[in-house]
Structures are given as C-alpha cells and as structure tokens.
Amino acid sequence: MLQNGDPDHIVVEAYPGAVARSLIGKQPYKSDSRKAQTAQRLTNRRELLTKLFEGAAKDRYGFELIASEDLCDDPTGDELDALLAAIQAAWAWRNKAKNFGFPTDVDPLEGWIADPLSR
C-alpha cells in the first residue's frame, strides 16, 4: 500500500519472478527443495543471467549489468533473485524524477511493482 509519509524514505516493491519470466518464460530456475534442484534449473539460471548480460538489462532497464556468473551456482536462486530485485530498484531510482516510474494512475491501496513492464 502506498501511504504518505516521510518523503526522505522510499519503499520500492520488486518482484524478481517478473524479470525472470520476461526473459526465460515460465521455466523454473530455482528451488528450496533439494530434489528439485536440477541441472535444467541451473541451465535456466545461466540463460537468465546470460540474457541480462547480452543486452536485456540495457534494453529494458537502460543500463548494462556487471555481476558474477557465480550467482547461478546458488540452487535456491536467492542470490540471483537479489540481483533481479536490485535491477528493479535501480530502475526505479533512475526514474525518481518521474515518480520512480510509477504510472500516474497507480492505485495507492494496491501499490505497484517497480518494473517498466508493469506499466
């Protein structure tokens, strides 16, 4: 929920799954269950990061990405999700002069995911 408050503090809602789905579709890339931590999910994590390195970050968010490929080694996807959330937060910050990228008609009771595809 969006509320008026201290203007020096900004909260941005990120949803890493939205970034992942836009790049690799509904392919699973992580799991907390050891049984589901498969080689295919590792391949999907690598594909996701490769697409970000090869231009998806620049095309979608307006900046190039520098990150360690070791992020893909975490089968839970927590490290990769942190990067995806940071990308969304950085995009929002770059758009701070434009209401952090929020659409003008955003419902203050619902909020909004900080991502250009959420428009």
C-alpha atoms as a PDB file:
ATOM      1  CA  MET A   1       0.000   0.000   0.000  1.00  0.00           C
ATOM      2  CA  LEU A   2       1.286   3.478  -0.802  1.00  0.00           C
ATOM      3  CA  GLN A   3       0.993   5.962   2.008  1.00  0.00           C
ATOM      4  CA  ASN A   4       2.078   9.495   2.568  1.00  0.00           C
ATOM      5  CA  GLY A   5       4.938   9.565   5.000  1.00  0.00           C
ATOM      6  CA  ASP A   6       8.500  10.718   5.360  1.00  0.00           C
ATOM      7  CA  PRO A   7       9.488  11.921   1.877  1.00  0.00           C
ATOM      8  CA  ASP A   8      13.127  11.083   2.621  1.00  0.00           C
ATOM      9  CA  HIS A   9      12.305   7.368   2.770  1.00  0.00           C
ATOM     10  CA  ILE A  10      11.161   5.492  -0.301  1.00  0.00           C
ATOM     11  CA  VAL A  11       9.988   1.897  -0.452  1.00  0.00           C
ATOM     12  CA  VAL A  12      10.055   0.118  -3.777  1.00  0.00           C
ATOM     13  CA  GLU A  13       8.371  -3.235  -4.359  1.00  0.00           C
ATOM     14  CA  ALA A  14      10.378  -5.619  -6.508  1.00  0.00           C
ATOM     15  CA  TYR A  15       9.298  -8.949  -7.917  1.00  0.00           C
ATOM     16  CA  PRO A  16      12.253 -10.922  -9.313  1.00  0.00           C
ATOM     17  CA  GLY A  17       9.955 -13.507 -10.871  1.00  0.00           C
ATOM     18  CA  ALA A  18       8.593 -10.862 -13.244  1.00  0.00           C
ATOM     19  CA  VAL A  19      12.077 -10.251 -14.623  1.00  0.00           C
ATOM     20  CA  ALA A  20      12.787 -13.965 -14.882  1.00  0.00           C
ATOM     21  CA  ARG A  21       9.518 -14.765 -16.678  1.00  0.00           C
ATOM     22  CA  SER A  22      10.034 -11.951 -19.158  1.00  0.00           C
ATOM     23  CA  LEU A  23      13.389 -13.457 -20.137  1.00  0.00           C
ATOM     24  CA  ILE A  24      13.007 -17.230 -19.847  1.00  0.00           C
ATOM     25  CA  GLY A  25       9.249 -17.701 -19.753  1.00  0.00           C
ATOM     26  CA  LYS A  26       7.779 -19.964 -17.118  1.00  0.00           C
ATOM     27  CA  GLN A  27      10.870 -22.151 -16.970  1.00  0.00           C
ATOM     28  CA  PRO A  28      11.713 -22.892 -13.315  1.00  0.00           C
ATOM     29  CA  TYR A  29      15.119 -21.599 -12.288  1.00  0.00           C
ATOM     30  CA  LYS A  30      15.272 -22.181  -8.543  1.00  0.00           C
ATOM     31  CA  SER A  31      14.022 -24.351  -5.726  1.00  0.00           C
ATOM     32  CA  ASP A  32      14.377 -24.692  -1.975  1.00  0.00           C
ATOM     33  CA  SER A  33      13.789 -28.430  -2.301  1.00  0.00           C
ATOM     34  CA  ARG A  34      16.984 -30.419  -2.924  1.00  0.00           C
ATOM     35  CA  LYS A  35      15.053 -32.869  -5.101  1.00  0.00           C
ATOM     36  CA  ALA A  36      14.016 -30.070  -7.450  1.00  0.00           C
ATOM     37  CA  GLN A  37      17.487 -28.517  -7.688  1.00  0.00           C
ATOM     38  CA  THR A  38      18.156 -29.962 -11.115  1.00  0.00           C
ATOM     39  CA  ALA A  39      20.725 -29.432 -13.841  1.00  0.00           C
ATOM     40  CA  GLN A  40      17.941 -27.950 -16.002  1.00  0.00           C
ATOM     41  CA  ARG A  41      17.263 -25.258 -13.395  1.00  0.00           C
ATOM     42  CA  LEU A  42      20.975 -24.415 -13.344  1.00  0.00           C
ATOM     43  CA  THR A  43      20.825 -24.113 -17.135  1.00  0.00           C
ATOM     44  CA  ASN A  44      17.792 -21.826 -16.804  1.00  0.00           C
ATOM     45  CA  ARG A  45      19.598 -19.605 -14.265  1.00  0.00           C
ATOM     46  CA  ARG A  46      22.570 -19.349 -16.608  1.00  0.00           C
ATOM     47  CA  GLU A  47      20.290 -18.495 -19.540  1.00  0.00           C
ATOM     48  CA  LEU A  48      18.593 -15.793 -17.484  1.00  0.00           C
ATOM     49  CA  LEU A  49      21.879 -14.193 -16.462  1.00  0.00           C
ATOM     50  CA  THR A  50      23.281 -14.504 -19.997  1.00  0.00           C
ATOM     51  CA  LYS A  51      20.274 -12.674 -21.426  1.00  0.00           C
ATOM     52  CA  LEU A  52      20.773  -9.876 -18.901  1.00  0.00           C
ATOM     53  CA  PHE A  53      24.483  -9.639 -19.798  1.00  0.00           C
ATOM     54  CA  GLU A  54      23.764  -9.700 -23.522  1.00  0.00           C
ATOM     55  CA  GLY A  55      21.505  -6.685 -23.559  1.00  0.00           C
ATOM     56  CA  ALA A  56      18.206  -7.402 -21.848  1.00  0.00           C
ATOM     57  CA  ALA A  57      19.200  -5.225 -18.888  1.00  0.00           C
ATOM     58  CA  LYS A  58      20.140  -2.346 -21.181  1.00  0.00           C
ATOM     59  CA  ASP A  59      17.111  -2.743 -23.451  1.00  0.00           C
ATOM     60  CA  ARG A  60      14.604  -2.986 -20.625  1.00  0.00           C
ATOM     61  CA  TYR A  61      16.123  -1.026 -17.751  1.00  0.00           C
ATOM     62  CA  GLY A  62      18.501   1.363 -19.503  1.00  0.00           C
ATOM     63  CA  PHE A  63      21.798   0.187 -18.047  1.00  0.00           C
ATOM     64  CA  GLU A  64      24.356  -2.535 -18.522  1.00  0.00           C
ATOM     65  CA  LEU A  65      24.846  -5.207 -15.934  1.00  0.00           C
ATOM     66  CA  ILE A  66      28.076  -6.307 -14.279  1.00  0.00           C
ATOM     67  CA  ALA A  67      27.733  -9.270 -11.952  1.00  0.00           C
ATOM     68  CA  SER A  68      29.433 -12.521 -11.127  1.00  0.00           C
ATOM     69  CA  GLU A  69      28.336 -15.596 -13.032  1.00  0.00           C
ATOM     70  CA  ASP A  70      28.715 -17.443  -9.707  1.00  0.00           C
ATOM     71  CA  LEU A  71      25.234 -16.137  -8.834  1.00  0.00           C
ATOM     72  CA  CYS A  72      23.920 -19.047 -10.875  1.00  0.00           C
ATOM     73  CA  ASP A  73      25.575 -21.577  -8.572  1.00  0.00           C
ATOM     74  CA  ASP A  74      23.006 -20.989  -5.808  1.00  0.00           C
ATOM     75  CA  PRO A  75      20.264 -23.568  -6.488  1.00  0.00           C
ATOM     76  CA  THR A  76      17.786 -21.732  -4.240  1.00  0.00           C
ATOM     77  CA  GLY A  77      18.023 -18.750  -6.577  1.00  0.00           C
ATOM     78  CA  ASP A  78      18.268 -16.351  -3.638  1.00  0.00           C
ATOM     79  CA  GLU A  79      21.422 -14.663  -4.934  1.00  0.00           C
ATOM     80  CA  LEU A  80      20.050 -14.321  -8.453  1.00  0.00           C
ATOM     81  CA  ASP A  81      16.727 -13.035  -7.093  1.00  0.00           C
ATOM     82  CA  ALA A  82      18.625 -10.406  -5.082  1.00  0.00           C
ATOM     83  CA  LEU A  83      20.269  -9.220  -8.293  1.00  0.00           C
ATOM     84  CA  LEU A  84      16.927  -9.119 -10.129  1.00  0.00           C
ATOM     85  CA  ALA A  85      15.347  -7.113  -7.287  1.00  0.00           C
ATOM     86  CA  ALA A  86      18.329  -4.743  -7.272  1.00  0.00           C
ATOM     87  CA  ILE A  87      17.887  -4.186 -11.000  1.00  0.00           C
ATOM     88  CA  GLN A  88      14.249  -3.228 -10.475  1.00  0.00           C
ATOM     89  CA  ALA A  89      15.176  -0.934  -7.572  1.00  0.00           C
ATOM     90  CA  ALA A  90      17.923   0.728  -9.629  1.00  0.00           C
ATOM     91  CA  TRP A  91      15.465   1.303 -12.474  1.00  0.00           C
ATOM     92  CA  ALA A  92      13.031   2.937 -10.042  1.00  0.00           C
ATOM     93  CA  TRP A  93      15.794   5.144  -8.625  1.00  0.00           C
ATOM     94  CA  ARG A  94      16.833   6.242 -12.117  1.00  0.00           C
ATOM     95  CA  ASN A  95      13.213   7.296 -12.619  1.00  0.00           C
ATOM     96  CA  LYS A  96      12.877   9.141  -9.304  1.00  0.00           C
ATOM     97  CA  ALA A  97      12.162  12.439 -11.078  1.00  0.00           C
ATOM     98  CA  LYS A  98       9.238  10.706 -12.816  1.00  0.00           C
ATOM     99  CA  ASN A  99       7.560   9.401  -9.659  1.00  0.00           C
ATOM    100  CA  PHE A 100      10.011   6.457  -9.571  1.00  0.00           C
ATOM    101  CA  GLY A 101       8.434   5.119 -12.745  1.00  0.00           C
ATOM    102  CA  PHE A 102       5.028   4.654 -11.122  1.00  0.00           C
ATOM    103  CA  PRO A 103       2.143   5.189 -13.525  1.00  0.00           C
ATOM    104  CA  THR A 104       0.144   8.304 -12.723  1.00  0.00           C
ATOM    105  CA  ASP A 105      -2.994   6.250 -12.190  1.00  0.00           C
ATOM    106  CA  VAL A 106      -1.480   3.711  -9.750  1.00  0.00           C
ATOM    107  CA  ASP A 107      -3.942   2.626  -7.079  1.00  0.00           C
ATOM    108  CA  PRO A 108      -2.411   3.709  -3.733  1.00  0.00           C
ATOM    109  CA  LEU A 109      -4.100   0.780  -1.979  1.00  0.00           C
ATOM    110  CA  GLU A 110      -2.602  -1.757  -4.350  1.00  0.00           C
ATOM    111  CA  GLY A 111       0.886  -0.411  -4.932  1.00  0.00           C
ATOM    112  CA  TRP A 112       2.977  -1.268  -7.956  1.00  0.00           C
ATOM    113  CA  ILE A 113       5.939  -3.457  -8.898  1.00  0.00           C
ATOM    114  CA  ALA A 114       8.945  -1.356  -9.870  1.00  0.00           C
ATOM    115  CA  ASP A 115       9.446  -2.524 -13.428  1.00  0.00           C
ATOM    116  CA  PRO A 116       8.942  -0.888 -16.806  1.00  0.00           C
ATOM    117  CA  LEU A 117       6.824  -3.823 -17.983  1.00  0.00           C
ATOM    118  CA  SER A 118       4.374  -3.256 -15.106  1.00  0.00           C
ATOM    119  CA  ARG A 119       3.009  -0.155 -16.794  1.00  0.00           C
END
